[in-house]
């Protein structure tokens, strides 16, 4: 028997929720695991129901979709999020992916396309501007967009949990901006070897293999104090 993809719908408009429910219910491989109407309820319900994919409205009362996604991904990183919005904006896509979403679509997306996207993200893929990306691909995309947009998006509270020292955080911020070890050393007035030692420590603490993964990890967790 085919295992169904469990989907949760989060939207504060009953008519839109019902419309999504009706569309998804026609597909044999999808199961509606639950619904929520605001950010806090979405986080609570997702923890209880553990759906495979959450369809998350970005404009939610109390806690918006970006904030709810970040909280949800911190608690249940295996749950995939597809962000839905009335406003299709290129910078908003960057913010959504950085919050932990696997895809971002306008609410007028073709229903069949949305179903395809649910299937893709449930398999660990990302969908950005109709391009399907794997984990490595989304990391590179995220860094490119960070260098393009920057900007502070999330509350500072998530930074309190960073396991890095202030100097390591400083170095990691420069890594996200694309600087080499030698450029970082010059910028901070320290030796090249000191930067290398700090980078070794950063990779070890974050459990990642290289500087690109470290930069992406920091961005996804809101640790790097981004430029205004």
N, C-alpha and C. Protein backbone atom coordinates (compact mmCIF):
# COMPACT_ATOMS: atom_id res chain seq x y z
N UNK A 1 0.84 -1.20 0.00
CA UNK A 1 0.00 0.00 0.00
C UNK A 1 0.88 1.26 0.00
N UNK A 2 0.53 2.20 -0.86
CA UNK A 2 1.31 3.43 -0.99
C UNK A 2 1.18 4.29 0.27
N UNK A 3 2.34 4.76 0.79
CA UNK A 3 2.31 5.63 1.95
C UNK A 3 1.99 7.05 1.51
N UNK A 4 0.98 7.63 2.10
CA UNK A 4 0.53 8.96 1.67
C UNK A 4 1.39 10.06 2.28
N UNK A 5 1.46 11.18 1.56
CA UNK A 5 2.14 12.38 2.05
C UNK A 5 1.15 13.13 2.93
N UNK A 6 1.51 13.33 4.19
CA UNK A 6 0.62 13.99 5.15
C UNK A 6 0.83 15.50 5.07
N UNK A 7 -0.25 16.22 4.75
CA UNK A 7 -0.17 17.67 4.52
C UNK A 7 -1.01 18.42 5.55
N UNK A 8 -0.45 19.51 6.06
CA UNK A 8 -1.20 20.39 6.97
C UNK A 8 -1.37 21.75 6.31
N UNK A 9 -2.56 22.32 6.43
CA UNK A 9 -2.88 23.60 5.80
C UNK A 9 -2.96 24.68 6.86
N UNK A 10 -2.22 25.78 6.65
CA UNK A 10 -2.25 26.90 7.61
C UNK A 10 -2.65 28.17 6.87
N UNK A 11 -3.84 28.68 7.18
CA UNK A 11 -4.34 29.91 6.57
C UNK A 11 -5.48 30.45 7.41
N UNK A 12 -5.57 31.77 7.54
CA UNK A 12 -6.61 32.35 8.40
C UNK A 12 -7.91 32.62 7.64
N UNK A 13 -7.96 32.28 6.34
CA UNK A 13 -9.19 32.47 5.57
C UNK A 13 -9.87 31.12 5.33
N UNK A 14 -11.03 30.89 5.92
CA UNK A 14 -11.73 29.60 5.80
C UNK A 14 -11.96 29.17 4.35
N UNK A 15 -12.32 30.12 3.50
CA UNK A 15 -12.63 29.79 2.11
C UNK A 15 -11.39 29.26 1.38
N UNK A 16 -10.23 29.89 1.63
CA UNK A 16 -9.01 29.44 0.98
C UNK A 16 -8.58 28.08 1.53
N UNK A 17 -8.70 27.91 2.85
CA UNK A 17 -8.37 26.62 3.45
C UNK A 17 -9.22 25.51 2.85
N UNK A 18 -10.51 25.77 2.70
CA UNK A 18 -11.41 24.77 2.15
C UNK A 18 -11.07 24.46 0.69
N UNK A 19 -10.70 25.52 -0.05
CA UNK A 19 -10.32 25.32 -1.44
C UNK A 19 -9.09 24.43 -1.57
N UNK A 20 -8.09 24.67 -0.71
CA UNK A 20 -6.90 23.82 -0.72
C UNK A 20 -7.25 22.39 -0.34
N UNK A 21 -8.08 22.27 0.67
CA UNK A 21 -8.51 20.95 1.14
C UNK A 21 -9.16 20.17 0.00
N UNK A 22 -10.04 20.84 -0.73
CA UNK A 22 -10.76 20.19 -1.83
C UNK A 22 -9.81 19.74 -2.94
N UNK A 23 -8.82 20.58 -3.25
CA UNK A 23 -7.86 20.25 -4.30
C UNK A 23 -7.02 19.04 -3.89
N UNK A 24 -6.49 19.07 -2.67
CA UNK A 24 -5.59 18.01 -2.23
C UNK A 24 -6.31 16.69 -2.05
N UNK A 25 -7.58 16.76 -1.66
CA UNK A 25 -8.35 15.54 -1.38
C UNK A 25 -8.59 14.70 -2.63
N UNK A 26 -8.40 15.29 -3.81
CA UNK A 26 -8.63 14.55 -5.05
C UNK A 26 -7.41 13.70 -5.45
N UNK A 27 -6.32 13.81 -4.69
CA UNK A 27 -5.10 13.08 -5.04
C UNK A 27 -4.87 11.93 -4.06
N UNK A 28 -4.78 10.73 -4.59
CA UNK A 28 -4.73 9.53 -3.76
C UNK A 28 -3.48 9.45 -2.88
N UNK A 29 -2.39 10.14 -3.29
CA UNK A 29 -1.15 10.04 -2.52
C UNK A 29 -1.01 11.13 -1.45
N UNK A 30 -2.06 11.96 -1.29
CA UNK A 30 -2.02 13.03 -0.30
C UNK A 30 -3.08 12.80 0.77
N UNK A 31 -2.74 13.17 2.00
CA UNK A 31 -3.69 13.06 3.11
C UNK A 31 -3.66 14.36 3.91
N UNK A 32 -4.83 14.95 4.18
CA UNK A 32 -4.90 16.18 4.98
C UNK A 32 -4.77 15.80 6.45
N UNK A 33 -3.62 16.13 7.03
CA UNK A 33 -3.35 15.74 8.42
C UNK A 33 -3.97 16.70 9.42
N UNK A 34 -4.20 17.96 9.01
CA UNK A 34 -4.78 18.93 9.92
C UNK A 34 -4.77 20.32 9.33
N UNK A 35 -5.35 21.27 10.07
CA UNK A 35 -5.42 22.66 9.64
C UNK A 35 -5.16 23.57 10.83
N UNK A 36 -4.70 24.80 10.54
CA UNK A 36 -4.49 25.80 11.58
C UNK A 36 -4.80 27.17 10.99
N UNK A 37 -5.12 28.12 11.88
CA UNK A 37 -5.57 29.44 11.42
C UNK A 37 -4.61 30.58 11.76
N UNK A 38 -3.60 30.32 12.60
CA UNK A 38 -2.62 31.37 12.89
C UNK A 38 -1.26 30.73 13.20
N UNK A 39 -0.25 31.57 13.41
CA UNK A 39 1.11 31.07 13.60
C UNK A 39 1.30 30.17 14.81
N UNK A 40 0.90 30.61 16.02
CA UNK A 40 1.08 29.76 17.20
C UNK A 40 0.35 28.42 17.09
N UNK A 41 -0.86 28.45 16.54
CA UNK A 41 -1.61 27.21 16.37
C UNK A 41 -0.91 26.30 15.37
N UNK A 42 -0.31 26.90 14.33
CA UNK A 42 0.40 26.11 13.33
C UNK A 42 1.58 25.37 13.95
N UNK A 43 2.35 26.06 14.77
CA UNK A 43 3.51 25.44 15.42
C UNK A 43 3.06 24.33 16.37
N UNK A 44 2.02 24.61 17.15
CA UNK A 44 1.51 23.63 18.11
C UNK A 44 0.95 22.39 17.41
N UNK A 45 0.13 22.61 16.39
CA UNK A 45 -0.49 21.50 15.66
C UNK A 45 0.55 20.66 14.92
N UNK A 46 1.52 21.35 14.32
CA UNK A 46 2.56 20.62 13.57
C UNK A 46 3.38 19.73 14.49
N UNK A 47 3.67 20.21 15.69
CA UNK A 47 4.40 19.40 16.66
C UNK A 47 3.61 18.16 17.05
N UNK A 48 2.29 18.33 17.16
CA UNK A 48 1.44 17.22 17.58
C UNK A 48 1.18 16.23 16.45
N UNK A 49 0.97 16.76 15.23
CA UNK A 49 0.55 15.92 14.11
C UNK A 49 1.73 15.40 13.28
N UNK A 50 2.85 16.13 13.33
CA UNK A 50 4.04 15.77 12.53
C UNK A 50 3.71 15.46 11.07
N UNK A 51 3.14 16.43 10.36
CA UNK A 51 2.88 16.23 8.92
C UNK A 51 4.20 16.19 8.15
N UNK A 52 4.14 15.69 6.93
CA UNK A 52 5.32 15.70 6.07
C UNK A 52 5.56 17.09 5.50
N UNK A 53 4.45 17.75 5.12
CA UNK A 53 4.53 19.06 4.47
C UNK A 53 3.49 20.00 5.08
N UNK A 54 3.89 21.25 5.33
CA UNK A 54 2.96 22.28 5.79
C UNK A 54 2.83 23.33 4.70
N UNK A 55 1.58 23.63 4.32
CA UNK A 55 1.31 24.74 3.41
C UNK A 55 1.04 25.95 4.29
N UNK A 56 1.96 26.92 4.30
CA UNK A 56 1.95 28.02 5.26
C UNK A 56 1.68 29.37 4.60
N UNK A 57 0.58 30.01 4.99
CA UNK A 57 0.30 31.37 4.54
C UNK A 57 1.34 32.29 5.18
N UNK A 58 1.82 33.26 4.43
CA UNK A 58 2.85 34.15 4.98
C UNK A 58 2.24 35.24 5.86
N UNK A 59 1.01 35.66 5.55
CA UNK A 59 0.37 36.74 6.30
C UNK A 59 -0.63 36.18 7.29
N UNK A 60 -0.12 35.78 8.46
CA UNK A 60 -0.94 35.18 9.50
C UNK A 60 -1.05 36.13 10.69
N UNK A 61 -2.16 36.07 11.41
CA UNK A 61 -2.27 36.88 12.63
C UNK A 61 -1.41 36.32 13.76
N UNK A 62 -1.07 37.16 14.71
CA UNK A 62 -0.32 36.81 15.92
C UNK A 62 1.16 36.54 15.64
N UNK A 63 1.41 35.55 14.81
CA UNK A 63 2.78 35.18 14.44
C UNK A 63 2.76 34.95 12.93
N UNK A 64 3.53 35.73 12.18
CA UNK A 64 3.42 35.60 10.72
C UNK A 64 4.06 34.30 10.23
N UNK A 65 3.87 34.01 8.96
CA UNK A 65 4.32 32.75 8.40
C UNK A 65 5.82 32.54 8.46
N UNK A 66 6.60 33.62 8.30
CA UNK A 66 8.05 33.51 8.39
C UNK A 66 8.47 33.13 9.81
N UNK A 67 7.90 33.81 10.80
CA UNK A 67 8.23 33.53 12.20
C UNK A 67 7.79 32.13 12.59
N UNK A 68 6.59 31.75 12.16
CA UNK A 68 6.07 30.42 12.49
C UNK A 68 6.92 29.33 11.85
N UNK A 69 7.37 29.57 10.62
CA UNK A 69 8.22 28.59 9.93
C UNK A 69 9.53 28.41 10.66
N UNK A 70 10.15 29.51 11.08
CA UNK A 70 11.43 29.40 11.79
C UNK A 70 11.25 28.63 13.09
N UNK A 71 10.21 28.92 13.85
CA UNK A 71 9.97 28.20 15.11
C UNK A 71 9.70 26.73 14.84
N UNK A 72 8.88 26.47 13.82
CA UNK A 72 8.53 25.10 13.48
C UNK A 72 9.75 24.29 13.05
N UNK A 73 10.60 24.87 12.21
CA UNK A 73 11.78 24.16 11.72
C UNK A 73 12.80 23.94 12.84
N UNK A 74 12.83 24.84 13.82
CA UNK A 74 13.74 24.65 14.95
C UNK A 74 13.29 23.47 15.80
N UNK A 75 11.97 23.29 15.91
CA UNK A 75 11.41 22.22 16.73
C UNK A 75 11.32 20.90 15.97
N UNK A 76 10.95 20.98 14.70
CA UNK A 76 10.73 19.78 13.88
C UNK A 76 11.39 19.97 12.51
N UNK A 77 12.70 19.88 12.44
CA UNK A 77 13.41 20.18 11.19
C UNK A 77 13.06 19.27 10.02
N UNK A 78 12.48 18.09 10.33
CA UNK A 78 12.14 17.16 9.25
C UNK A 78 10.87 17.56 8.50
N UNK A 79 10.06 18.44 9.08
CA UNK A 79 8.83 18.90 8.42
C UNK A 79 9.19 19.90 7.32
N UNK A 80 8.63 19.70 6.13
CA UNK A 80 8.89 20.61 5.01
C UNK A 80 7.78 21.67 4.96
N UNK A 81 8.16 22.88 4.57
CA UNK A 81 7.21 23.99 4.51
C UNK A 81 7.16 24.57 3.10
N UNK A 82 5.95 24.70 2.57
CA UNK A 82 5.73 25.43 1.32
C UNK A 82 5.01 26.73 1.70
N UNK A 83 5.65 27.86 1.43
CA UNK A 83 5.09 29.16 1.78
C UNK A 83 4.17 29.65 0.67
N UNK A 84 2.97 30.07 1.06
CA UNK A 84 2.00 30.61 0.11
C UNK A 84 1.71 32.06 0.46
N UNK A 85 1.61 32.91 -0.55
CA UNK A 85 1.41 34.33 -0.29
C UNK A 85 0.59 34.99 -1.37
N UNK A 86 -0.04 36.09 -0.99
CA UNK A 86 -0.78 36.88 -1.96
C UNK A 86 0.17 37.80 -2.73
N UNK A 87 1.39 37.97 -2.20
CA UNK A 87 2.35 38.89 -2.80
C UNK A 87 3.59 38.12 -3.26
N UNK A 88 3.72 37.99 -4.57
CA UNK A 88 4.85 37.25 -5.13
C UNK A 88 6.00 38.22 -5.35
N UNK A 89 6.99 38.17 -4.46
CA UNK A 89 8.08 39.13 -4.47
C UNK A 89 9.41 38.40 -4.36
N UNK A 90 10.38 38.76 -5.19
CA UNK A 90 11.64 38.03 -5.25
C UNK A 90 12.42 38.08 -3.94
N UNK A 91 12.40 39.24 -3.26
CA UNK A 91 13.11 39.33 -1.98
C UNK A 91 12.41 38.51 -0.91
N UNK A 92 11.08 38.43 -0.99
CA UNK A 92 10.32 37.64 -0.02
C UNK A 92 10.66 36.15 -0.14
N UNK A 93 10.98 35.72 -1.36
CA UNK A 93 11.38 34.32 -1.55
C UNK A 93 12.65 34.04 -0.75
N UNK A 94 13.60 34.95 -0.84
CA UNK A 94 14.85 34.81 -0.08
C UNK A 94 14.57 34.71 1.41
N UNK A 95 13.71 35.59 1.93
CA UNK A 95 13.39 35.56 3.35
C UNK A 95 12.70 34.25 3.74
N UNK A 96 11.83 33.75 2.87
CA UNK A 96 11.11 32.51 3.16
C UNK A 96 12.05 31.31 3.20
N UNK A 97 12.94 31.22 2.22
CA UNK A 97 13.89 30.10 2.19
C UNK A 97 14.83 30.20 3.39
N UNK A 98 15.23 31.41 3.73
CA UNK A 98 16.11 31.59 4.87
C UNK A 98 15.41 31.19 6.17
N UNK A 99 14.11 31.36 6.22
CA UNK A 99 13.35 30.97 7.42
C UNK A 99 13.23 29.46 7.54
N UNK A 100 13.47 28.74 6.42
CA UNK A 100 13.40 27.29 6.47
C UNK A 100 12.42 26.67 5.49
N UNK A 101 11.74 27.51 4.69
CA UNK A 101 10.80 26.99 3.71
C UNK A 101 11.54 26.24 2.60
N UNK A 102 10.86 25.27 2.01
CA UNK A 102 11.43 24.51 0.89
C UNK A 102 10.95 25.04 -0.46
N UNK A 103 9.88 25.82 -0.43
CA UNK A 103 9.34 26.40 -1.67
C UNK A 103 8.49 27.60 -1.32
N UNK A 104 8.24 28.44 -2.30
CA UNK A 104 7.48 29.69 -2.10
C UNK A 104 6.64 29.93 -3.35
N UNK A 105 5.34 30.09 -3.15
CA UNK A 105 4.45 30.29 -4.30
C UNK A 105 3.36 31.31 -4.00
N UNK A 106 2.95 32.01 -5.05
CA UNK A 106 1.79 32.88 -4.96
C UNK A 106 0.54 32.01 -4.82
N UNK A 107 -0.48 32.56 -4.16
CA UNK A 107 -1.71 31.79 -3.93
C UNK A 107 -2.48 31.49 -5.22
N UNK A 108 -2.12 32.14 -6.31
CA UNK A 108 -2.80 31.83 -7.57
C UNK A 108 -2.06 30.75 -8.37
N UNK A 109 -1.19 30.02 -7.69
CA UNK A 109 -0.46 28.92 -8.34
C UNK A 109 -1.44 27.89 -8.88
N UNK A 110 -1.10 27.32 -10.02
CA UNK A 110 -1.93 26.27 -10.60
C UNK A 110 -2.01 25.10 -9.62
N UNK A 111 -3.22 24.60 -9.31
CA UNK A 111 -3.37 23.53 -8.32
C UNK A 111 -2.52 22.30 -8.61
N UNK A 112 -2.44 21.90 -9.88
CA UNK A 112 -1.63 20.73 -10.23
C UNK A 112 -0.15 20.98 -9.95
N UNK A 113 0.29 22.23 -10.18
CA UNK A 113 1.69 22.57 -9.91
C UNK A 113 1.95 22.49 -8.41
N UNK A 114 1.01 22.99 -7.61
CA UNK A 114 1.17 22.95 -6.16
C UNK A 114 1.30 21.51 -5.66
N UNK A 115 0.51 20.62 -6.23
CA UNK A 115 0.59 19.20 -5.85
C UNK A 115 1.96 18.63 -6.21
N UNK A 116 2.46 18.99 -7.40
CA UNK A 116 3.80 18.54 -7.81
C UNK A 116 4.86 19.03 -6.83
N UNK A 117 4.72 20.29 -6.38
CA UNK A 117 5.68 20.88 -5.46
C UNK A 117 5.63 20.17 -4.11
N UNK A 118 4.44 19.85 -3.64
CA UNK A 118 4.30 19.10 -2.39
C UNK A 118 5.05 17.78 -2.48
N UNK A 119 4.93 17.11 -3.59
CA UNK A 119 5.62 15.82 -3.78
C UNK A 119 7.13 16.02 -3.79
N UNK A 120 7.59 17.07 -4.47
CA UNK A 120 9.03 17.33 -4.56
C UNK A 120 9.64 17.64 -3.20
N UNK A 121 9.00 18.56 -2.45
CA UNK A 121 9.59 18.96 -1.16
C UNK A 121 9.51 17.82 -0.14
N UNK A 122 8.50 16.96 -0.28
CA UNK A 122 8.41 15.82 0.63
C UNK A 122 9.58 14.86 0.45
N UNK A 123 10.21 14.93 -0.74
CA UNK A 123 11.38 14.10 -1.04
C UNK A 123 12.69 14.81 -0.73
N UNK A 124 12.60 16.00 -0.11
CA UNK A 124 13.80 16.74 0.28
C UNK A 124 14.31 17.73 -0.74
N UNK A 125 13.53 17.98 -1.79
CA UNK A 125 13.93 18.95 -2.81
C UNK A 125 13.44 20.36 -2.44
N UNK A 126 14.02 21.35 -3.09
CA UNK A 126 13.60 22.74 -2.94
C UNK A 126 13.14 23.24 -4.31
N UNK A 127 12.17 24.16 -4.32
CA UNK A 127 11.70 24.71 -5.58
C UNK A 127 11.76 26.24 -5.49
N UNK A 128 12.61 26.86 -6.32
CA UNK A 128 12.77 28.31 -6.33
C UNK A 128 12.67 28.79 -7.77
N UNK A 129 11.71 29.67 -8.02
CA UNK A 129 11.51 30.19 -9.38
C UNK A 129 11.39 29.05 -10.39
N UNK A 130 10.64 28.03 -10.02
CA UNK A 130 10.39 26.86 -10.86
C UNK A 130 11.63 25.99 -11.09
N UNK A 131 12.71 26.31 -10.42
CA UNK A 131 13.92 25.48 -10.50
C UNK A 131 13.97 24.54 -9.31
N UNK A 132 14.18 23.26 -9.56
CA UNK A 132 14.27 22.26 -8.49
C UNK A 132 15.74 22.15 -8.06
N UNK A 133 15.98 22.34 -6.76
CA UNK A 133 17.33 22.33 -6.22
C UNK A 133 17.47 21.30 -5.11
N UNK A 134 18.69 20.73 -4.97
CA UNK A 134 18.96 19.85 -3.84
C UNK A 134 19.53 20.70 -2.70
N UNK A 135 19.98 20.06 -1.62
CA UNK A 135 20.47 20.78 -0.44
C UNK A 135 21.67 21.65 -0.78
N UNK A 136 22.59 21.13 -1.59
CA UNK A 136 23.77 21.89 -1.98
C UNK A 136 23.38 23.08 -2.85
N UNK A 137 22.44 22.84 -3.76
CA UNK A 137 22.00 23.90 -4.66
C UNK A 137 21.30 25.04 -3.93
N UNK A 138 20.47 24.71 -2.95
CA UNK A 138 19.75 25.76 -2.23
C UNK A 138 20.71 26.55 -1.36
N UNK A 139 21.76 25.88 -0.86
CA UNK A 139 22.76 26.58 -0.07
C UNK A 139 23.48 27.64 -0.88
N UNK A 140 23.88 27.29 -2.09
CA UNK A 140 24.56 28.24 -2.97
C UNK A 140 23.63 29.38 -3.36
N UNK A 141 22.37 29.04 -3.64
CA UNK A 141 21.38 30.07 -3.99
C UNK A 141 21.19 31.04 -2.83
N UNK A 142 21.09 30.50 -1.62
CA UNK A 142 20.85 31.31 -0.44
C UNK A 142 21.99 32.29 -0.20
N UNK A 143 23.22 31.84 -0.36
CA UNK A 143 24.37 32.72 -0.18
C UNK A 143 24.39 33.83 -1.24
N UNK A 144 24.06 33.48 -2.47
CA UNK A 144 24.01 34.48 -3.54
C UNK A 144 22.97 35.55 -3.23
N UNK A 145 21.80 35.12 -2.76
CA UNK A 145 20.73 36.07 -2.46
C UNK A 145 21.06 36.90 -1.22
N UNK A 146 21.74 36.29 -0.25
CA UNK A 146 22.16 37.05 0.94
C UNK A 146 23.06 38.21 0.53
N UNK A 147 24.00 37.92 -0.35
CA UNK A 147 24.93 38.97 -0.79
C UNK A 147 24.21 40.02 -1.63
N UNK A 148 23.07 39.66 -2.17
CA UNK A 148 22.28 40.60 -2.97
C UNK A 148 21.37 41.45 -2.09
N UNK A 149 20.71 40.81 -1.11
CA UNK A 149 19.71 41.51 -0.31
C UNK A 149 20.16 41.86 1.10
N UNK A 150 20.84 40.91 1.79
CA UNK A 150 21.18 41.15 3.19
C UNK A 150 19.90 41.40 3.99
N UNK A 151 19.95 42.35 4.93
CA UNK A 151 18.74 42.76 5.64
C UNK A 151 18.44 41.95 6.86
N UNK A 152 17.92 42.60 7.89
CA UNK A 152 17.53 41.92 9.11
C UNK A 152 16.07 41.49 8.99
N UNK A 153 15.80 40.22 9.27
CA UNK A 153 14.46 39.69 9.08
C UNK A 153 13.86 39.19 10.37
N UNK A 154 14.67 38.52 11.18
CA UNK A 154 14.12 37.83 12.34
C UNK A 154 14.51 38.50 13.65
N UNK A 155 13.81 38.15 14.70
CA UNK A 155 14.12 38.64 16.03
C UNK A 155 15.50 38.17 16.46
N UNK A 156 16.08 38.89 17.41
CA UNK A 156 17.43 38.57 17.87
C UNK A 156 17.46 37.29 18.72
N UNK A 157 16.30 36.85 19.23
CA UNK A 157 16.29 35.76 20.21
C UNK A 157 16.98 34.50 19.70
N UNK A 158 16.88 34.22 18.39
CA UNK A 158 17.47 33.00 17.87
C UNK A 158 18.99 33.03 17.95
N UNK A 159 19.59 34.24 17.99
CA UNK A 159 21.04 34.34 18.03
C UNK A 159 21.60 33.92 19.39
N UNK A 160 20.78 33.95 20.43
CA UNK A 160 21.27 33.64 21.76
C UNK A 160 21.73 32.17 21.88
N UNK A 161 21.29 31.34 20.97
CA UNK A 161 21.60 29.92 21.05
C UNK A 161 22.80 29.53 20.20
N UNK A 162 23.45 30.51 19.57
CA UNK A 162 24.61 30.21 18.75
C UNK A 162 25.75 29.71 19.63
N UNK A 163 26.39 28.58 19.25
CA UNK A 163 27.47 28.02 20.07
C UNK A 163 28.82 28.66 19.79
N UNK A 164 28.85 29.68 18.97
CA UNK A 164 30.11 30.28 18.56
C UNK A 164 30.50 31.45 19.45
N UNK A 165 31.80 31.69 19.54
CA UNK A 165 32.29 32.85 20.30
C UNK A 165 32.03 34.12 19.49
N UNK A 166 32.11 35.30 20.13
CA UNK A 166 31.92 36.56 19.39
C UNK A 166 32.86 36.69 18.19
N UNK A 167 34.14 36.28 18.37
CA UNK A 167 35.09 36.37 17.26
C UNK A 167 34.72 35.41 16.14
N UNK A 168 34.29 34.20 16.50
CA UNK A 168 33.87 33.23 15.48
C UNK A 168 32.65 33.73 14.73
N UNK A 169 31.72 34.37 15.44
CA UNK A 169 30.53 34.94 14.79
C UNK A 169 30.95 36.04 13.81
N UNK A 170 31.93 36.84 14.22
CA UNK A 170 32.43 37.91 13.38
C UNK A 170 33.03 37.34 12.10
N UNK A 171 33.83 36.29 12.24
CA UNK A 171 34.46 35.65 11.08
C UNK A 171 33.40 35.03 10.17
N UNK A 172 32.42 34.37 10.79
CA UNK A 172 31.38 33.71 9.99
C UNK A 172 30.56 34.71 9.20
N UNK A 173 30.30 35.88 9.78
CA UNK A 173 29.58 36.91 9.04
C UNK A 173 30.35 37.32 7.79
N UNK A 174 31.68 37.44 7.91
CA UNK A 174 32.51 37.81 6.76
C UNK A 174 32.56 36.68 5.73
N UNK A 175 32.50 35.44 6.21
CA UNK A 175 32.43 34.30 5.29
C UNK A 175 31.16 34.38 4.44
N UNK A 176 30.04 34.73 5.09
CA UNK A 176 28.77 34.81 4.34
C UNK A 176 28.81 35.92 3.29
N UNK A 177 29.69 36.89 3.51
CA UNK A 177 29.82 37.99 2.54
C UNK A 177 30.77 37.63 1.41
N UNK A 178 31.37 36.42 1.47
CA UNK A 178 32.20 35.94 0.38
C UNK A 178 33.69 36.18 0.53
N UNK A 179 34.12 36.60 1.72
CA UNK A 179 35.54 36.86 1.92
C UNK A 179 36.34 35.57 2.09
N UNK A 180 37.59 35.58 1.58
CA UNK A 180 38.51 34.47 1.79
C UNK A 180 39.13 34.60 3.17
N UNK A 181 39.86 33.57 3.61
CA UNK A 181 40.54 33.64 4.90
C UNK A 181 41.52 34.81 4.96
N UNK A 182 42.26 35.02 3.87
CA UNK A 182 43.24 36.11 3.84
C UNK A 182 42.54 37.47 3.92
N UNK A 183 41.41 37.61 3.22
CA UNK A 183 40.66 38.88 3.28
C UNK A 183 40.09 39.12 4.68
N UNK A 184 39.64 38.04 5.32
CA UNK A 184 39.12 38.15 6.69
C UNK A 184 40.24 38.57 7.64
N UNK A 185 41.41 37.96 7.49
CA UNK A 185 42.55 38.29 8.34
C UNK A 185 42.92 39.77 8.20
N UNK A 186 42.94 40.26 6.98
CA UNK A 186 43.26 41.67 6.73
C UNK A 186 42.18 42.57 7.32
N UNK A 187 40.92 42.19 7.12
CA UNK A 187 39.80 42.99 7.59
C UNK A 187 39.78 43.11 9.11
N UNK A 188 40.13 42.02 9.80
CA UNK A 188 40.06 42.00 11.27
C UNK A 188 41.40 42.32 11.93
N UNK A 189 42.47 42.42 11.15
CA UNK A 189 43.77 42.73 11.70
C UNK A 189 44.37 41.58 12.50
N UNK A 190 44.11 40.36 12.05
CA UNK A 190 44.66 39.17 12.71
C UNK A 190 45.40 38.34 11.67
N UNK A 191 46.14 37.32 12.13
CA UNK A 191 46.93 36.53 11.19
C UNK A 191 46.05 35.55 10.40
N UNK A 192 46.60 35.15 9.25
CA UNK A 192 45.92 34.18 8.40
C UNK A 192 45.73 32.87 9.16
N UNK A 193 46.75 32.46 9.92
CA UNK A 193 46.68 31.21 10.67
C UNK A 193 45.60 31.28 11.75
N UNK A 194 45.45 32.43 12.38
CA UNK A 194 44.40 32.60 13.40
C UNK A 194 43.02 32.41 12.80
N UNK A 195 42.82 32.96 11.60
CA UNK A 195 41.54 32.79 10.92
C UNK A 195 41.30 31.31 10.62
N UNK A 196 42.35 30.63 10.14
CA UNK A 196 42.22 29.20 9.83
C UNK A 196 41.87 28.40 11.09
N UNK A 197 42.48 28.76 12.21
CA UNK A 197 42.17 28.07 13.46
C UNK A 197 40.71 28.29 13.87
N UNK A 198 40.26 29.53 13.73
CA UNK A 198 38.87 29.84 14.05
C UNK A 198 37.91 29.09 13.13
N UNK A 199 38.25 29.01 11.84
CA UNK A 199 37.39 28.30 10.89
C UNK A 199 37.30 26.82 11.23
N UNK A 200 38.40 26.22 11.65
CA UNK A 200 38.40 24.82 12.07
C UNK A 200 37.46 24.62 13.25
N UNK A 201 37.51 25.55 14.18
CA UNK A 201 36.64 25.50 15.36
C UNK A 201 35.17 25.66 14.96
N UNK A 202 34.91 26.60 14.05
CA UNK A 202 33.53 26.85 13.60
C UNK A 202 32.94 25.60 12.94
N UNK A 203 33.71 24.99 12.04
CA UNK A 203 33.23 23.79 11.34
C UNK A 203 32.96 22.67 12.33
N UNK A 204 33.82 22.53 13.32
CA UNK A 204 33.66 21.48 14.32
C UNK A 204 32.41 21.72 15.16
N UNK A 205 32.23 22.94 15.63
CA UNK A 205 31.08 23.27 16.48
C UNK A 205 29.75 23.10 15.75
N UNK A 206 29.73 23.45 14.48
CA UNK A 206 28.48 23.36 13.71
C UNK A 206 28.28 21.99 13.08
N UNK A 207 29.31 21.15 13.08
CA UNK A 207 29.20 19.82 12.51
C UNK A 207 29.02 19.83 11.01
N UNK A 208 29.71 20.76 10.34
CA UNK A 208 29.60 20.86 8.88
C UNK A 208 30.97 20.64 8.25
N UNK A 209 30.99 20.41 6.94
CA UNK A 209 32.22 19.99 6.26
C UNK A 209 33.04 21.15 5.70
N UNK A 210 32.39 22.25 5.35
CA UNK A 210 33.15 23.34 4.73
C UNK A 210 32.54 24.69 5.06
N UNK A 211 33.21 25.76 4.62
CA UNK A 211 32.81 27.13 4.95
C UNK A 211 31.47 27.49 4.33
N UNK A 212 31.17 26.98 3.15
CA UNK A 212 29.87 27.26 2.53
C UNK A 212 28.74 26.70 3.38
N UNK A 213 28.89 25.46 3.83
CA UNK A 213 27.87 24.86 4.68
C UNK A 213 27.73 25.63 5.99
N UNK A 214 28.85 26.10 6.52
CA UNK A 214 28.81 26.87 7.77
C UNK A 214 28.04 28.18 7.59
N UNK A 215 28.29 28.86 6.47
CA UNK A 215 27.61 30.12 6.20
C UNK A 215 26.11 29.91 6.02
N UNK A 216 25.76 28.87 5.29
CA UNK A 216 24.34 28.57 5.07
C UNK A 216 23.67 28.20 6.39
N UNK A 217 24.34 27.40 7.19
CA UNK A 217 23.80 27.00 8.50
C UNK A 217 23.51 28.22 9.36
N UNK A 218 24.46 29.16 9.39
CA UNK A 218 24.30 30.37 10.19
C UNK A 218 23.14 31.22 9.69
N UNK A 219 23.01 31.33 8.37
CA UNK A 219 21.91 32.11 7.80
C UNK A 219 20.57 31.48 8.12
N UNK A 220 20.49 30.15 7.99
CA UNK A 220 19.22 29.46 8.22
C UNK A 220 18.79 29.52 9.68
N UNK A 221 19.77 29.67 10.58
CA UNK A 221 19.45 29.73 12.01
C UNK A 221 19.41 31.16 12.54
N UNK A 222 19.56 32.14 11.66
CA UNK A 222 19.47 33.53 12.10
C UNK A 222 20.58 33.97 13.03
N UNK A 223 21.76 33.32 12.92
CA UNK A 223 22.85 33.64 13.85
C UNK A 223 23.66 34.84 13.43
N UNK A 224 23.78 35.06 12.14
CA UNK A 224 24.65 36.12 11.67
C UNK A 224 23.90 37.45 11.74
N UNK A 225 24.42 38.44 12.47
CA UNK A 225 23.76 39.74 12.55
C UNK A 225 23.90 40.47 11.22
N UNK A 226 22.88 40.36 10.39
CA UNK A 226 22.96 40.86 9.02
C UNK A 226 22.94 42.38 8.96
N UNK A 227 23.52 42.89 7.90
CA UNK A 227 23.59 44.34 7.74
C UNK A 227 22.19 44.90 7.50
N UNK A 228 21.96 46.12 7.97
CA UNK A 228 20.66 46.76 7.80
C UNK A 228 20.46 47.18 6.36
